Amino acid sequence: MSGRGLPGGGLVRRYRPEDIEVTLNLRTTVSSTAISLPKSDSDASALPDTYIQFHVSIKHGTHPALPITLSSWRTPLERSLSPKDSSSPVWINSALTYLCSTSNPDRYGGPPELGYKVHRRRGFARNLRDNWDFITIPSFKSGEEVVVEHRLPVEKLQFWKKRDDGYRDEVKPEKGGKWDIGPSEGALGTFWWTWGDLDEDLKGKEFRNDE
């Protein structure tokens, strides 16, 4: 990743990749390893919420004492509009994989909107802060991490079985089945980043995409 802020100015621009490098740690946890699925819509409200959490921290950086700020758009770090938002950006923009069965590779599941990418707030405005989401990752020296969580919409989950002709059939989930989920490979990265903190030295500054 590359980027830097211009000292003494209100403008932040991209910088040459060979000059600056940052490596991030990203790990995934879940609030519960067991998920209960509702038998009907009325049952869903009685079930405890399940959350998928993404923990991100700086593993290496050329400026260990500095935080970084990056665009979280179309990444697992894009925050939901509300804590219980069942149409989280990570589902709509395919930042997460499907729930993949570990015992039956031909079976998978997820919310119905997963896989239908929506180019929400994608444009390149003069100031990228006008239509992109950004998040600050604490400095390497701080030893801190940022946690972004997304509610797993159990009331909307559907499960399918792959067919030989490329289509799929909806099936009932297996009782006691085990499933894997995580960030999709195409969502690991960012469109833009820079050194600094959104609420401190970057406050009020424009983010530009100029070369």
N, C-alpha and C. Protein backbone atom coordinates (compact mmCIF):
# COMPACT_ATOMS: atom_id res chain seq x y z
N MET A 1 0.85 -1.18 0.00
CA MET A 1 0.00 0.00 0.00
C MET A 1 0.88 1.23 0.00
N SER A 2 0.34 2.32 -0.50
CA SER A 2 1.16 3.53 -0.56
C SER A 2 0.32 4.77 -0.33
N GLY A 3 0.95 5.80 0.20
CA GLY A 3 0.26 7.06 0.41
C GLY A 3 1.00 7.90 1.42
N ARG A 4 0.78 9.20 1.44
CA ARG A 4 1.37 10.05 2.47
C ARG A 4 0.62 11.36 2.53
N GLY A 5 0.72 12.05 3.65
CA GLY A 5 0.13 13.35 3.79
C GLY A 5 1.15 14.42 3.51
N LEU A 6 0.71 15.52 2.97
CA LEU A 6 1.63 16.62 2.67
C LEU A 6 1.76 17.52 3.90
N PRO A 7 2.96 17.66 4.47
CA PRO A 7 3.12 18.49 5.67
C PRO A 7 2.77 19.94 5.39
N GLY A 8 2.02 20.53 6.30
CA GLY A 8 1.70 21.94 6.18
C GLY A 8 0.55 22.25 5.24
N GLY A 9 -0.05 21.23 4.62
CA GLY A 9 -1.14 21.47 3.68
C GLY A 9 -2.39 20.71 4.07
N GLY A 10 -3.51 21.06 3.44
CA GLY A 10 -4.76 20.39 3.74
C GLY A 10 -5.10 19.31 2.75
N LEU A 11 -4.12 18.85 2.00
CA LEU A 11 -4.37 17.91 0.92
C LEU A 11 -3.56 16.64 1.14
N VAL A 12 -4.18 15.50 0.91
CA VAL A 12 -3.48 14.23 1.03
C VAL A 12 -3.50 13.55 -0.33
N ARG A 13 -2.34 13.13 -0.81
CA ARG A 13 -2.24 12.52 -2.13
C ARG A 13 -1.64 11.12 -2.03
N ARG A 14 -1.75 10.37 -3.12
CA ARG A 14 -1.08 9.08 -3.22
C ARG A 14 0.41 9.29 -3.36
N TYR A 15 1.18 8.24 -3.02
CA TYR A 15 2.63 8.34 -3.10
C TYR A 15 3.17 7.10 -3.79
N ARG A 16 4.45 7.13 -4.18
CA ARG A 16 5.01 6.02 -4.94
C ARG A 16 5.12 4.76 -4.10
N PRO A 17 4.66 3.61 -4.62
CA PRO A 17 4.67 2.36 -3.85
C PRO A 17 6.06 1.95 -3.38
N GLU A 18 7.09 2.27 -4.15
CA GLU A 18 8.44 1.83 -3.76
C GLU A 18 8.99 2.63 -2.58
N ASP A 19 8.33 3.72 -2.21
CA ASP A 19 8.84 4.56 -1.14
C ASP A 19 8.29 4.20 0.24
N ILE A 20 7.08 3.69 0.28
CA ILE A 20 6.44 3.41 1.57
C ILE A 20 5.76 2.04 1.53
N GLU A 21 5.87 1.32 2.64
CA GLU A 21 5.25 0.00 2.71
C GLU A 21 4.67 -0.23 4.10
N VAL A 22 3.48 -0.78 4.13
CA VAL A 22 2.82 -1.16 5.39
C VAL A 22 2.23 -2.55 5.21
N THR A 23 2.41 -3.40 6.22
CA THR A 23 1.81 -4.73 6.21
C THR A 23 0.83 -4.83 7.36
N LEU A 24 -0.36 -5.32 7.09
CA LEU A 24 -1.40 -5.43 8.11
C LEU A 24 -1.65 -6.88 8.50
N ASN A 25 -2.03 -7.07 9.75
CA ASN A 25 -2.54 -8.36 10.22
C ASN A 25 -4.06 -8.31 10.19
N LEU A 26 -4.69 -9.33 9.64
CA LEU A 26 -6.16 -9.42 9.65
C LEU A 26 -6.56 -10.80 10.12
N ARG A 27 -7.32 -10.87 11.19
CA ARG A 27 -7.81 -12.16 11.67
C ARG A 27 -9.31 -12.08 11.91
N THR A 28 -9.95 -13.23 11.87
CA THR A 28 -11.41 -13.31 11.96
C THR A 28 -11.81 -14.12 13.18
N THR A 29 -12.81 -13.65 13.91
CA THR A 29 -13.39 -14.41 15.01
C THR A 29 -14.91 -14.34 14.88
N VAL A 30 -15.59 -15.21 15.59
CA VAL A 30 -17.06 -15.18 15.63
C VAL A 30 -17.49 -15.13 17.08
N SER A 31 -18.64 -14.50 17.33
CA SER A 31 -19.12 -14.35 18.70
C SER A 31 -19.60 -15.67 19.28
N SER A 32 -19.96 -16.60 18.41
CA SER A 32 -20.40 -17.92 18.86
C SER A 32 -20.05 -18.93 17.79
N THR A 33 -19.55 -20.09 18.21
CA THR A 33 -19.20 -21.13 17.23
C THR A 33 -20.40 -21.98 16.86
N ALA A 34 -21.52 -21.81 17.55
CA ALA A 34 -22.75 -22.54 17.23
C ALA A 34 -23.84 -21.55 16.83
N ILE A 35 -24.50 -21.80 15.73
CA ILE A 35 -25.56 -20.91 15.23
C ILE A 35 -26.88 -21.66 15.21
N SER A 36 -27.89 -21.05 15.82
CA SER A 36 -29.25 -21.61 15.78
C SER A 36 -30.04 -20.90 14.70
N LEU A 37 -30.64 -21.66 13.81
CA LEU A 37 -31.41 -21.06 12.71
C LEU A 37 -32.89 -21.05 13.06
N PRO A 38 -33.60 -19.97 12.77
CA PRO A 38 -35.02 -19.88 13.10
C PRO A 38 -35.87 -20.79 12.20
N LYS A 39 -36.90 -21.36 12.78
CA LYS A 39 -37.83 -22.18 11.99
C LYS A 39 -38.83 -21.31 11.24
N SER A 40 -39.03 -20.11 11.72
CA SER A 40 -39.94 -19.17 11.07
C SER A 40 -39.46 -17.76 11.35
N ASP A 41 -40.04 -16.78 10.65
CA ASP A 41 -39.64 -15.39 10.85
C ASP A 41 -39.90 -14.93 12.28
N SER A 42 -40.97 -15.45 12.89
CA SER A 42 -41.31 -15.04 14.26
C SER A 42 -40.30 -15.57 15.27
N ASP A 43 -39.62 -16.65 14.93
CA ASP A 43 -38.62 -17.22 15.84
C ASP A 43 -37.32 -16.43 15.81
N ALA A 44 -37.06 -15.70 14.73
CA ALA A 44 -35.76 -15.06 14.55
C ALA A 44 -35.45 -14.05 15.64
N SER A 45 -36.47 -13.29 16.09
CA SER A 45 -36.23 -12.25 17.09
C SER A 45 -35.83 -12.82 18.44
N ALA A 46 -36.14 -14.09 18.69
CA ALA A 46 -35.83 -14.70 19.98
C ALA A 46 -34.42 -15.30 20.02
N LEU A 47 -33.76 -15.36 18.87
CA LEU A 47 -32.42 -15.96 18.81
C LEU A 47 -31.34 -14.93 19.13
N PRO A 48 -30.28 -15.34 19.80
CA PRO A 48 -29.19 -14.40 20.08
C PRO A 48 -28.48 -14.00 18.79
N ASP A 49 -28.03 -12.76 18.71
CA ASP A 49 -27.31 -12.29 17.52
C ASP A 49 -25.94 -12.95 17.44
N THR A 50 -25.54 -13.28 16.23
CA THR A 50 -24.20 -13.82 15.99
C THR A 50 -23.42 -12.82 15.16
N TYR A 51 -22.19 -12.54 15.57
CA TYR A 51 -21.38 -11.55 14.89
C TYR A 51 -20.08 -12.15 14.38
N ILE A 52 -19.66 -11.67 13.21
CA ILE A 52 -18.34 -11.99 12.66
C ILE A 52 -17.47 -10.76 12.89
N GLN A 53 -16.32 -10.97 13.53
CA GLN A 53 -15.45 -9.84 13.87
C GLN A 53 -14.15 -9.91 13.09
N PHE A 54 -13.73 -8.76 12.59
CA PHE A 54 -12.45 -8.64 11.90
C PHE A 54 -11.52 -7.77 12.74
N HIS A 55 -10.37 -8.33 13.09
CA HIS A 55 -9.37 -7.64 13.90
C HIS A 55 -8.21 -7.25 12.98
N VAL A 56 -7.89 -5.99 12.92
CA VAL A 56 -6.81 -5.55 12.03
C VAL A 56 -5.82 -4.69 12.81
N SER A 57 -4.54 -4.92 12.57
CA SER A 57 -3.47 -4.17 13.21
C SER A 57 -2.29 -4.07 12.25
N ILE A 58 -1.38 -3.19 12.54
CA ILE A 58 -0.19 -3.02 11.70
C ILE A 58 0.87 -4.04 12.12
N LYS A 59 1.30 -4.84 11.18
CA LYS A 59 2.35 -5.83 11.43
C LYS A 59 3.73 -5.24 11.19
N HIS A 60 3.84 -4.38 10.20
CA HIS A 60 5.11 -3.75 9.85
C HIS A 60 4.83 -2.42 9.15
N GLY A 61 5.65 -1.43 9.44
CA GLY A 61 5.52 -0.15 8.78
C GLY A 61 6.82 0.62 8.87
N THR A 62 7.08 1.47 7.89
CA THR A 62 8.33 2.23 7.91
C THR A 62 8.28 3.36 8.94
N HIS A 63 7.08 3.65 9.47
CA HIS A 63 6.93 4.65 10.52
C HIS A 63 6.16 4.00 11.68
N PRO A 64 6.85 3.26 12.55
CA PRO A 64 6.18 2.48 13.61
C PRO A 64 5.32 3.30 14.56
N ALA A 65 5.61 4.59 14.71
CA ALA A 65 4.86 5.41 15.65
C ALA A 65 3.62 6.06 15.04
N LEU A 66 3.41 5.85 13.72
CA LEU A 66 2.30 6.52 13.05
C LEU A 66 1.17 5.54 12.73
N PRO A 67 -0.08 5.98 12.91
CA PRO A 67 -1.23 5.17 12.46
C PRO A 67 -1.40 5.35 10.96
N ILE A 68 -2.27 4.54 10.36
CA ILE A 68 -2.62 4.74 8.96
C ILE A 68 -4.14 4.84 8.84
N THR A 69 -4.56 5.52 7.81
CA THR A 69 -5.99 5.62 7.50
C THR A 69 -6.19 5.09 6.09
N LEU A 70 -7.18 4.24 5.92
CA LEU A 70 -7.42 3.63 4.61
C LEU A 70 -8.89 3.63 4.26
N SER A 71 -9.14 3.50 2.97
CA SER A 71 -10.52 3.37 2.50
C SER A 71 -10.99 1.95 2.79
N SER A 72 -12.11 1.84 3.50
CA SER A 72 -12.65 0.52 3.83
C SER A 72 -13.70 0.06 2.82
N TRP A 73 -13.93 0.87 1.80
CA TRP A 73 -14.98 0.55 0.82
C TRP A 73 -14.72 -0.80 0.16
N ARG A 74 -15.73 -1.66 0.16
CA ARG A 74 -15.68 -2.99 -0.45
C ARG A 74 -14.57 -3.86 0.16
N THR A 75 -14.38 -3.72 1.47
CA THR A 75 -13.48 -4.59 2.21
C THR A 75 -14.24 -5.10 3.43
N PRO A 76 -13.69 -6.11 4.14
CA PRO A 76 -14.35 -6.58 5.36
C PRO A 76 -14.43 -5.53 6.46
N LEU A 77 -13.72 -4.42 6.30
CA LEU A 77 -13.70 -3.39 7.34
C LEU A 77 -14.77 -2.32 7.12
N GLU A 78 -15.55 -2.43 6.06
CA GLU A 78 -16.60 -1.43 5.83
C GLU A 78 -17.69 -1.61 6.87
N ARG A 79 -17.98 -0.56 7.58
CA ARG A 79 -18.91 -0.66 8.71
C ARG A 79 -20.36 -0.65 8.23
N SER A 80 -21.20 -1.37 9.00
CA SER A 80 -22.63 -1.38 8.72
C SER A 80 -23.22 -0.02 9.05
N LEU A 81 -24.36 0.28 8.44
CA LEU A 81 -25.02 1.55 8.72
C LEU A 81 -25.59 1.58 10.12
N SER A 82 -25.91 0.41 10.68
CA SER A 82 -26.38 0.30 12.05
C SER A 82 -25.92 -1.05 12.60
N PRO A 83 -25.81 -1.19 13.94
CA PRO A 83 -25.29 -2.43 14.52
C PRO A 83 -26.09 -3.68 14.13
N LYS A 84 -27.38 -3.52 13.86
CA LYS A 84 -28.20 -4.67 13.52
C LYS A 84 -28.61 -4.67 12.05
N ASP A 85 -27.87 -3.97 11.23
CA ASP A 85 -28.19 -3.88 9.81
C ASP A 85 -27.98 -5.22 9.13
N SER A 86 -29.06 -5.84 8.67
CA SER A 86 -28.95 -7.16 8.04
C SER A 86 -28.50 -7.07 6.59
N SER A 87 -28.46 -5.85 6.05
CA SER A 87 -27.95 -5.65 4.69
C SER A 87 -26.58 -4.99 4.76
N SER A 88 -25.71 -5.57 5.55
CA SER A 88 -24.37 -5.03 5.75
C SER A 88 -23.64 -4.91 4.42
N PRO A 89 -22.82 -3.87 4.26
CA PRO A 89 -22.05 -3.72 3.02
C PRO A 89 -21.20 -4.93 2.68
N VAL A 90 -20.72 -5.66 3.72
CA VAL A 90 -19.85 -6.80 3.43
C VAL A 90 -20.59 -7.92 2.72
N TRP A 91 -21.90 -8.00 2.91
CA TRP A 91 -22.68 -9.00 2.19
C TRP A 91 -22.97 -8.52 0.77
N ILE A 92 -23.41 -7.26 0.67
CA ILE A 92 -23.79 -6.75 -0.64
C ILE A 92 -22.59 -6.67 -1.58
N ASN A 93 -21.44 -6.30 -1.05
CA ASN A 93 -20.26 -6.10 -1.89
C ASN A 93 -19.32 -7.29 -1.91
N SER A 94 -19.77 -8.43 -1.41
CA SER A 94 -19.01 -9.68 -1.48
C SER A 94 -17.64 -9.60 -0.83
N ALA A 95 -17.54 -8.86 0.27
CA ALA A 95 -16.28 -8.81 1.01
C ALA A 95 -16.08 -10.08 1.84
N LEU A 96 -17.17 -10.83 2.05
CA LEU A 96 -17.10 -12.11 2.76
C LEU A 96 -17.41 -13.25 1.80
N THR A 97 -16.87 -14.42 2.12
CA THR A 97 -17.19 -15.60 1.34
C THR A 97 -18.56 -16.15 1.75
N TYR A 98 -19.04 -17.10 0.99
CA TYR A 98 -20.21 -17.85 1.41
C TYR A 98 -19.85 -18.70 2.61
N LEU A 99 -20.87 -19.16 3.33
CA LEU A 99 -20.68 -20.22 4.32
C LEU A 99 -20.45 -21.51 3.54
N CYS A 100 -19.27 -22.09 3.68
CA CYS A 100 -18.92 -23.29 2.90
C CYS A 100 -18.89 -24.51 3.81
N SER A 101 -19.63 -25.53 3.45
CA SER A 101 -19.68 -26.74 4.25
C SER A 101 -18.33 -27.45 4.23
N THR A 102 -17.85 -27.85 5.41
CA THR A 102 -16.58 -28.57 5.48
C THR A 102 -16.75 -30.06 5.23
N SER A 103 -17.99 -30.56 5.32
CA SER A 103 -18.24 -31.99 5.12
C SER A 103 -18.81 -32.30 3.74
N ASN A 104 -19.53 -31.33 3.16
CA ASN A 104 -20.10 -31.50 1.81
C ASN A 104 -19.69 -30.31 0.96
N PRO A 105 -18.60 -30.40 0.20
CA PRO A 105 -18.09 -29.27 -0.58
C PRO A 105 -19.09 -28.71 -1.58
N ASP A 106 -20.12 -29.46 -1.93
CA ASP A 106 -21.09 -28.97 -2.91
C ASP A 106 -22.21 -28.16 -2.26
N ARG A 107 -22.13 -27.95 -0.96
CA ARG A 107 -23.16 -27.19 -0.26
C ARG A 107 -22.59 -25.89 0.30
N TYR A 108 -23.37 -24.83 0.20
CA TYR A 108 -22.94 -23.53 0.70
C TYR A 108 -24.16 -22.71 1.07
N GLY A 109 -23.94 -21.61 1.77
CA GLY A 109 -25.06 -20.80 2.21
C GLY A 109 -24.67 -19.35 2.38
N GLY A 110 -25.68 -18.51 2.63
CA GLY A 110 -25.44 -17.08 2.85
C GLY A 110 -26.72 -16.30 2.67
N PRO A 111 -26.68 -14.99 2.92
CA PRO A 111 -27.83 -14.15 2.63
C PRO A 111 -28.08 -14.11 1.13
N PRO A 112 -29.31 -13.93 0.69
CA PRO A 112 -29.60 -13.96 -0.75
C PRO A 112 -28.87 -12.89 -1.54
N GLU A 113 -28.50 -11.75 -0.89
CA GLU A 113 -27.84 -10.68 -1.64
C GLU A 113 -26.35 -10.92 -1.80
N LEU A 114 -25.78 -11.91 -1.11
CA LEU A 114 -24.35 -12.17 -1.21
C LEU A 114 -24.00 -12.56 -2.65
N GLY A 115 -22.99 -11.89 -3.19
CA GLY A 115 -22.56 -12.19 -4.55
C GLY A 115 -23.08 -11.21 -5.58
N TYR A 116 -24.07 -10.38 -5.18
CA TYR A 116 -24.57 -9.36 -6.11
C TYR A 116 -23.91 -8.04 -5.77
N LYS A 117 -22.81 -7.73 -6.43
CA LYS A 117 -22.03 -6.56 -6.08
C LYS A 117 -22.75 -5.28 -6.48
N VAL A 118 -22.78 -4.36 -5.55
CA VAL A 118 -23.41 -3.07 -5.80
C VAL A 118 -22.33 -2.00 -5.69
N HIS A 119 -22.19 -1.19 -6.72
CA HIS A 119 -21.15 -0.16 -6.71
C HIS A 119 -21.68 1.06 -5.95
N ARG A 120 -21.76 0.91 -4.64
CA ARG A 120 -22.32 1.94 -3.78
C ARG A 120 -21.24 2.95 -3.42
N ARG A 121 -21.52 4.22 -3.63
CA ARG A 121 -20.60 5.30 -3.29
C ARG A 121 -19.23 5.09 -3.90
N ARG A 122 -19.17 4.72 -5.16
CA ARG A 122 -17.92 4.33 -5.80
C ARG A 122 -17.16 5.49 -6.43
N GLY A 123 -17.85 6.58 -6.74
CA GLY A 123 -17.27 7.61 -7.58
C GLY A 123 -15.99 8.24 -7.06
N PHE A 124 -15.21 8.80 -7.97
CA PHE A 124 -13.99 9.51 -7.61
C PHE A 124 -14.30 11.00 -7.52
N ALA A 125 -14.79 11.44 -6.38
CA ALA A 125 -15.04 12.86 -6.17
C ALA A 125 -13.70 13.56 -5.95
N ARG A 126 -13.70 14.88 -6.04
CA ARG A 126 -12.46 15.63 -5.79
C ARG A 126 -11.93 15.28 -4.40
N ASN A 127 -12.82 15.26 -3.42
CA ASN A 127 -12.46 14.84 -2.07
C ASN A 127 -13.06 13.47 -1.82
N LEU A 128 -12.22 12.45 -1.74
CA LEU A 128 -12.71 11.08 -1.59
C LEU A 128 -13.51 10.88 -0.30
N ARG A 129 -13.33 11.75 0.67
CA ARG A 129 -14.07 11.63 1.93
C ARG A 129 -15.55 11.89 1.73
N ASP A 130 -15.91 12.51 0.59
CA ASP A 130 -17.32 12.82 0.34
C ASP A 130 -18.15 11.58 0.02
N ASN A 131 -17.50 10.53 -0.51
CA ASN A 131 -18.31 9.38 -0.90
C ASN A 131 -17.66 8.02 -0.64
N TRP A 132 -16.58 8.01 0.12
CA TRP A 132 -15.97 6.74 0.54
C TRP A 132 -15.92 6.67 2.06
N ASP A 133 -15.92 5.45 2.57
CA ASP A 133 -15.74 5.23 4.00
C ASP A 133 -14.26 5.03 4.31
N PHE A 134 -13.80 5.56 5.44
CA PHE A 134 -12.41 5.42 5.84
C PHE A 134 -12.33 4.96 7.29
N ILE A 135 -11.22 4.32 7.62
CA ILE A 135 -11.01 3.81 8.98
C ILE A 135 -9.53 3.99 9.33
N THR A 136 -9.25 4.30 10.59
CA THR A 136 -7.87 4.48 11.06
C THR A 136 -7.41 3.23 11.81
N ILE A 137 -6.20 2.76 11.46
CA ILE A 137 -5.58 1.62 12.14
C ILE A 137 -4.47 2.17 13.04
N PRO A 138 -4.48 1.86 14.35
CA PRO A 138 -3.47 2.40 15.27
C PRO A 138 -2.05 2.02 14.85
N SER A 139 -1.08 2.79 15.33
CA SER A 139 0.31 2.57 14.98
C SER A 139 0.82 1.22 15.47
N PHE A 140 1.88 0.75 14.83
CA PHE A 140 2.51 -0.50 15.25
C PHE A 140 3.01 -0.38 16.69
N LYS A 141 3.56 0.77 17.02
CA LYS A 141 4.13 0.99 18.34
C LYS A 141 3.08 0.91 19.44
N SER A 142 1.85 1.27 19.14
CA SER A 142 0.79 1.25 20.15
C SER A 142 0.39 -0.17 20.54
N GLY A 143 0.60 -1.13 19.63
CA GLY A 143 0.20 -2.51 19.90
C GLY A 143 -1.30 -2.72 19.88
N GLU A 144 -2.06 -1.72 19.44
CA GLU A 144 -3.52 -1.80 19.43
C GLU A 144 -4.04 -2.30 18.09
N GLU A 145 -5.29 -2.74 18.10
CA GLU A 145 -5.95 -3.19 16.89
C GLU A 145 -7.33 -2.55 16.80
N VAL A 146 -7.91 -2.60 15.62
CA VAL A 146 -9.28 -2.15 15.40
C VAL A 146 -10.14 -3.38 15.14
N VAL A 147 -11.33 -3.39 15.73
CA VAL A 147 -12.25 -4.51 15.53
C VAL A 147 -13.51 -3.99 14.85
N VAL A 148 -13.85 -4.56 13.72
CA VAL A 148 -15.09 -4.23 13.01
C VAL A 148 -15.93 -5.50 12.97
N GLU A 149 -17.17 -5.40 13.41
CA GLU A 149 -18.00 -6.59 13.45
C GLU A 149 -19.25 -6.43 12.59
N HIS A 150 -19.72 -7.56 12.09
CA HIS A 150 -20.90 -7.59 11.24
C HIS A 150 -21.84 -8.68 11.75
N ARG A 151 -23.10 -8.34 11.86
CA ARG A 151 -24.08 -9.32 12.31
C ARG A 151 -24.36 -10.33 11.21
N LEU A 152 -24.33 -11.61 11.56
CA LEU A 152 -24.70 -12.66 10.62
C LEU A 152 -26.23 -12.75 10.60
N PRO A 153 -26.86 -12.40 9.48
CA PRO A 153 -28.32 -12.36 9.45
C PRO A 153 -28.94 -13.76 9.36
N VAL A 154 -29.00 -14.44 10.49
CA VAL A 154 -29.48 -15.84 10.49
C VAL A 154 -30.90 -15.95 9.97
N GLU A 155 -31.69 -14.87 10.13
CA GLU A 155 -33.08 -14.91 9.68
C GLU A 155 -33.19 -14.88 8.16
N LYS A 156 -32.09 -14.55 7.48
CA LYS A 156 -32.11 -14.46 6.02
C LYS A 156 -31.28 -15.55 5.34
N LEU A 157 -30.57 -16.36 6.12
CA LEU A 157 -29.67 -17.33 5.51
C LEU A 157 -30.42 -18.35 4.66
N GLN A 158 -29.86 -18.63 3.50
CA GLN A 158 -30.36 -19.69 2.63
C GLN A 158 -29.20 -20.63 2.33
N PHE A 159 -29.54 -21.87 2.02
CA PHE A 159 -28.51 -22.87 1.75
C PHE A 159 -28.81 -23.55 0.42
N TRP A 160 -27.74 -23.86 -0.32
CA TRP A 160 -27.90 -24.41 -1.65
C TRP A 160 -26.96 -25.60 -1.87
N LYS A 161 -27.31 -26.39 -2.85
CA LYS A 161 -26.46 -27.50 -3.29
C LYS A 161 -26.15 -27.29 -4.77
N LYS A 162 -24.86 -27.38 -5.09
CA LYS A 162 -24.44 -27.20 -6.48
C LYS A 162 -24.94 -28.34 -7.36
N ARG A 163 -25.28 -27.97 -8.61
CA ARG A 163 -25.69 -28.97 -9.59
C ARG A 163 -24.64 -29.10 -10.67
N ASP A 164 -24.62 -30.22 -11.34
CA ASP A 164 -23.62 -30.47 -12.39
C ASP A 164 -23.77 -29.52 -13.56
N ASP A 165 -24.98 -28.95 -13.77
CA ASP A 165 -25.19 -28.06 -14.91
C ASP A 165 -24.86 -26.61 -14.58
N GLY A 166 -24.28 -26.38 -13.40
CA GLY A 166 -23.88 -25.03 -13.03
C GLY A 166 -24.91 -24.26 -12.23
N TYR A 167 -26.12 -24.80 -12.13
CA TYR A 167 -27.16 -24.15 -11.33
C TYR A 167 -27.12 -24.70 -9.91
N ARG A 168 -28.09 -24.30 -9.09
CA ARG A 168 -28.11 -24.76 -7.71
C ARG A 168 -29.53 -25.01 -7.26
N ASP A 169 -29.68 -25.87 -6.27
CA ASP A 169 -30.97 -26.17 -5.66
C ASP A 169 -30.95 -25.74 -4.20
N GLU A 170 -32.01 -25.11 -3.75
CA GLU A 170 -32.08 -24.73 -2.34
C GLU A 170 -32.33 -25.98 -1.49
N VAL A 171 -31.60 -26.10 -0.41
CA VAL A 171 -31.71 -27.27 0.47
C VAL A 171 -31.83 -26.80 1.92
N LYS A 172 -32.22 -27.71 2.80
CA LYS A 172 -32.26 -27.41 4.22
C LYS A 172 -30.86 -27.57 4.79
N PRO A 173 -30.49 -26.73 5.75
CA PRO A 173 -29.16 -26.87 6.35
C PRO A 173 -29.04 -28.15 7.15
N GLU A 174 -27.83 -28.69 7.19
CA GLU A 174 -27.60 -29.92 7.94
C GLU A 174 -27.51 -29.62 9.43
N LYS A 175 -28.21 -30.38 10.23
CA LYS A 175 -28.13 -30.21 11.67
C LYS A 175 -26.75 -30.67 12.14
N GLY A 176 -26.06 -29.81 12.86
CA GLY A 176 -24.73 -30.14 13.35
C GLY A 176 -23.64 -29.96 12.31
N GLY A 177 -23.99 -29.43 11.14
CA GLY A 177 -23.00 -29.23 10.08
C GLY A 177 -21.99 -28.16 10.45
N LYS A 178 -20.80 -28.26 9.88
CA LYS A 178 -19.73 -27.30 10.13
C LYS A 178 -19.47 -26.49 8.86
N TRP A 179 -19.24 -25.18 9.06
CA TRP A 179 -19.12 -24.28 7.92
C TRP A 179 -17.94 -23.34 8.12
N ASP A 180 -17.28 -23.01 7.04
CA ASP A 180 -16.19 -22.04 7.04
C ASP A 180 -16.67 -20.73 6.44
N ILE A 181 -16.14 -19.61 6.97
CA ILE A 181 -16.44 -18.30 6.40
C ILE A 181 -15.25 -17.38 6.68
N GLY A 182 -15.03 -16.42 5.82
CA GLY A 182 -13.91 -15.49 6.01
C GLY A 182 -13.95 -14.42 4.95
N PRO A 183 -12.94 -13.56 4.91
CA PRO A 183 -12.90 -12.50 3.89
C PRO A 183 -12.63 -13.10 2.52
N SER A 184 -13.28 -12.57 1.50
CA SER A 184 -13.03 -13.05 0.15
C SER A 184 -11.69 -12.50 -0.33
N GLU A 185 -11.00 -13.28 -1.15
CA GLU A 185 -9.65 -12.90 -1.59
C GLU A 185 -9.65 -11.56 -2.33
N GLY A 186 -10.70 -11.32 -3.10
CA GLY A 186 -10.75 -10.09 -3.89
C GLY A 186 -10.98 -8.84 -3.05
N ALA A 187 -11.33 -9.01 -1.75
CA ALA A 187 -11.60 -7.87 -0.89
C ALA A 187 -10.42 -7.52 0.00
N LEU A 188 -9.30 -8.22 -0.15
CA LEU A 188 -8.14 -7.97 0.69
C LEU A 188 -7.25 -6.90 0.02
N GLY A 189 -7.41 -5.71 0.46
CA GLY A 189 -6.67 -4.58 -0.11
C GLY A 189 -7.46 -3.31 0.13
N THR A 190 -7.02 -2.21 -0.45
CA THR A 190 -7.74 -0.96 -0.31
C THR A 190 -7.49 -0.11 -1.56
N PHE A 191 -8.45 0.76 -1.86
CA PHE A 191 -8.30 1.64 -3.01
C PHE A 191 -7.40 2.83 -2.72
N TRP A 192 -7.25 3.16 -1.42
CA TRP A 192 -6.50 4.37 -1.08
C TRP A 192 -6.13 4.34 0.39
N TRP A 193 -4.93 4.85 0.74
CA TRP A 193 -4.54 4.94 2.15
C TRP A 193 -3.49 6.02 2.34
N THR A 194 -3.26 6.40 3.58
CA THR A 194 -2.24 7.38 3.92
C THR A 194 -1.86 7.24 5.39
N TRP A 195 -0.75 7.85 5.78
CA TRP A 195 -0.39 7.91 7.18
C TRP A 195 -1.27 8.92 7.90
N GLY A 196 -1.60 8.66 9.16
CA GLY A 196 -2.33 9.65 9.95
C GLY A 196 -3.62 9.12 10.53
N ASP A 197 -4.27 9.94 11.36
CA ASP A 197 -5.49 9.59 12.09
C ASP A 197 -6.63 10.48 11.61
N LEU A 198 -7.78 9.87 11.34
CA LEU A 198 -8.94 10.61 10.84
C LEU A 198 -9.35 11.74 11.78
N ASP A 199 -9.27 11.50 13.08
CA ASP A 199 -9.79 12.46 14.06
C ASP A 199 -8.71 13.40 14.60
N GLU A 200 -7.48 13.25 14.11
CA GLU A 200 -6.42 14.11 14.62
C GLU A 200 -5.75 14.87 13.48
N ASP A 201 -4.59 14.43 13.01
CA ASP A 201 -3.87 15.22 12.01
C ASP A 201 -4.54 15.25 10.64
N LEU A 202 -5.44 14.32 10.37
CA LEU A 202 -6.13 14.32 9.07
C LEU A 202 -7.49 15.02 9.12
N LYS A 203 -7.89 15.46 10.28
CA LYS A 203 -9.20 16.09 10.44
C LYS A 203 -9.32 17.32 9.57
N GLY A 204 -10.36 17.36 8.74
CA GLY A 204 -10.61 18.51 7.88
C GLY A 204 -9.82 18.52 6.59
N LYS A 205 -8.93 17.56 6.38
CA LYS A 205 -8.12 17.54 5.16
C LYS A 205 -8.83 16.78 4.04
N GLU A 206 -8.58 17.20 2.82
CA GLU A 206 -9.14 16.51 1.66
C GLU A 206 -8.29 15.28 1.34
N PHE A 207 -8.97 14.23 0.87
CA PHE A 207 -8.29 13.04 0.37
C PHE A 207 -8.44 13.05 -1.13
N ARG A 208 -7.30 13.06 -1.84
CA ARG A 208 -7.32 13.14 -3.30
C ARG A 208 -6.77 11.88 -3.93
N ASN A 209 -7.21 11.59 -5.15
CA ASN A 209 -6.74 10.42 -5.88
C ASN A 209 -5.78 10.81 -6.99
N ASP A 210 -5.25 12.01 -6.95
CA ASP A 210 -4.32 12.47 -8.00
C ASP A 210 -3.03 11.67 -7.94
N GLU A 211 -2.47 11.40 -9.10
CA GLU A 211 -1.16 10.73 -9.16
C GLU A 211 -0.05 11.72 -8.83
